[in-house]
């Protein structure tokens, strides 16, 4: 994968950018069918950066920005705010 400078990321510590697309999905209930946006994240690169099946995550939203971070089970059960400083 190429980074923002156009070269391939050489190490795990060097950031890389993924270009994704927003898709639409149909959500149905007994009263209506609604078209909603969907973003798909999948691939070995997720595991390479520390995400694995069964991990808890927290999604932070801001205008035109989404941040996804690992969220430890201990923080969930202790009702603590996750540490986003890493």
Protein backbone atom coordinates (compact mmCIF):
# COMPACT_ATOMS: atom_id res chain seq x y z
CA UNK A 1 0.00 0.00 0.00
CA UNK A 2 1.27 3.47 -0.80
CA UNK A 3 1.46 6.19 1.81
CA UNK A 4 0.59 9.86 1.32
CA UNK A 5 4.01 10.49 -0.24
CA UNK A 6 3.37 7.89 -2.94
CA UNK A 7 5.88 5.33 -1.68
CA UNK A 8 5.13 1.97 -0.16
CA UNK A 9 5.03 1.84 3.65
CA UNK A 10 8.24 0.08 4.71
CA UNK A 11 7.56 -0.60 8.37
CA UNK A 12 4.66 -1.05 10.75
CA UNK A 13 5.50 2.28 12.38
CA UNK A 14 5.20 4.20 9.11
CA UNK A 15 1.59 5.30 8.54
CA UNK A 16 -0.26 4.23 5.45
CA UNK A 17 -3.51 5.41 3.92
CA UNK A 18 -6.28 3.19 2.63
CA UNK A 19 -8.59 4.54 -0.05
CA UNK A 20 -12.07 3.14 0.50
CA UNK A 21 -15.50 3.83 -0.89
CA UNK A 22 -18.82 4.56 0.80
CA UNK A 23 -21.43 2.06 -0.38
CA UNK A 24 -25.16 1.93 0.16
CA UNK A 25 -27.02 -0.84 1.87
CA UNK A 26 -30.75 -1.36 2.17
CA UNK A 27 -32.15 -1.57 5.70
CA UNK A 28 -35.63 -3.02 5.88
CA UNK A 29 -38.27 -3.25 8.57
CA UNK A 30 -41.96 -4.07 8.41
CA UNK A 31 -42.87 -0.47 7.61
CA UNK A 32 -40.26 0.65 5.09
CA UNK A 33 -37.03 0.08 3.23
CA UNK A 34 -34.32 2.67 3.70
CA UNK A 35 -31.03 3.20 1.86
CA UNK A 36 -28.17 3.88 4.34
CA UNK A 37 -24.43 4.51 3.81
CA UNK A 38 -21.97 1.72 4.64
CA UNK A 39 -18.16 1.66 4.94
CA UNK A 40 -16.48 -1.75 4.70
CA UNK A 41 -13.19 -2.45 6.44
CA UNK A 42 -11.63 -5.85 5.84
CA UNK A 43 -8.25 -7.33 5.07
CA UNK A 44 -5.09 -8.71 6.62
CA UNK A 45 -3.86 -5.14 7.12
CA UNK A 46 -6.32 -4.79 10.04
CA UNK A 47 -4.60 -7.63 11.89
CA UNK A 48 -1.21 -6.22 10.93
CA UNK A 49 -2.05 -3.00 12.79
CA UNK A 50 -3.39 -4.77 15.89
CA UNK A 51 -7.09 -5.47 15.26
CA UNK A 52 -8.26 -9.08 15.55
CA UNK A 53 -11.54 -10.95 15.61
CA UNK A 54 -13.46 -10.42 18.84
CA UNK A 55 -11.70 -7.16 19.79
CA UNK A 56 -13.86 -4.40 21.24
CA UNK A 57 -13.58 -1.10 19.41
CA UNK A 58 -14.88 2.40 19.96
CA UNK A 59 -15.80 4.70 17.08
CA UNK A 60 -15.42 8.46 17.56
CA UNK A 61 -17.22 10.75 15.15
CA UNK A 62 -16.47 14.30 14.16
CA UNK A 63 -17.46 16.30 11.13
CA UNK A 64 -16.03 14.46 8.09
CA UNK A 65 -13.79 12.28 10.33
CA UNK A 66 -14.12 8.80 11.86
CA UNK A 67 -11.60 7.39 14.34
CA UNK A 68 -11.61 3.69 15.24
CA UNK A 69 -9.62 2.54 18.29
CA UNK A 70 -9.22 -0.67 20.24
CA UNK A 71 -11.17 -0.53 23.49
CA UNK A 72 -10.10 -2.91 26.26
CA UNK A 73 -12.77 -5.01 27.97
CA UNK A 74 -11.50 -3.76 31.33
CA UNK A 75 -12.40 -0.20 30.31
CA UNK A 76 -15.84 -1.34 29.15
CA UNK A 77 -16.67 -3.09 32.41
CA UNK A 78 -15.20 -0.35 34.61
CA UNK A 79 -17.16 2.28 32.62
CA UNK A 80 -13.98 4.24 31.92
CA UNK A 81 -13.29 6.59 29.06
CA UNK A 82 -10.85 4.95 26.61
CA UNK A 83 -7.34 6.36 26.30
CA UNK A 84 -6.95 7.75 22.75
CA UNK A 85 -3.48 9.18 23.31
CA UNK A 86 -1.77 6.24 21.50
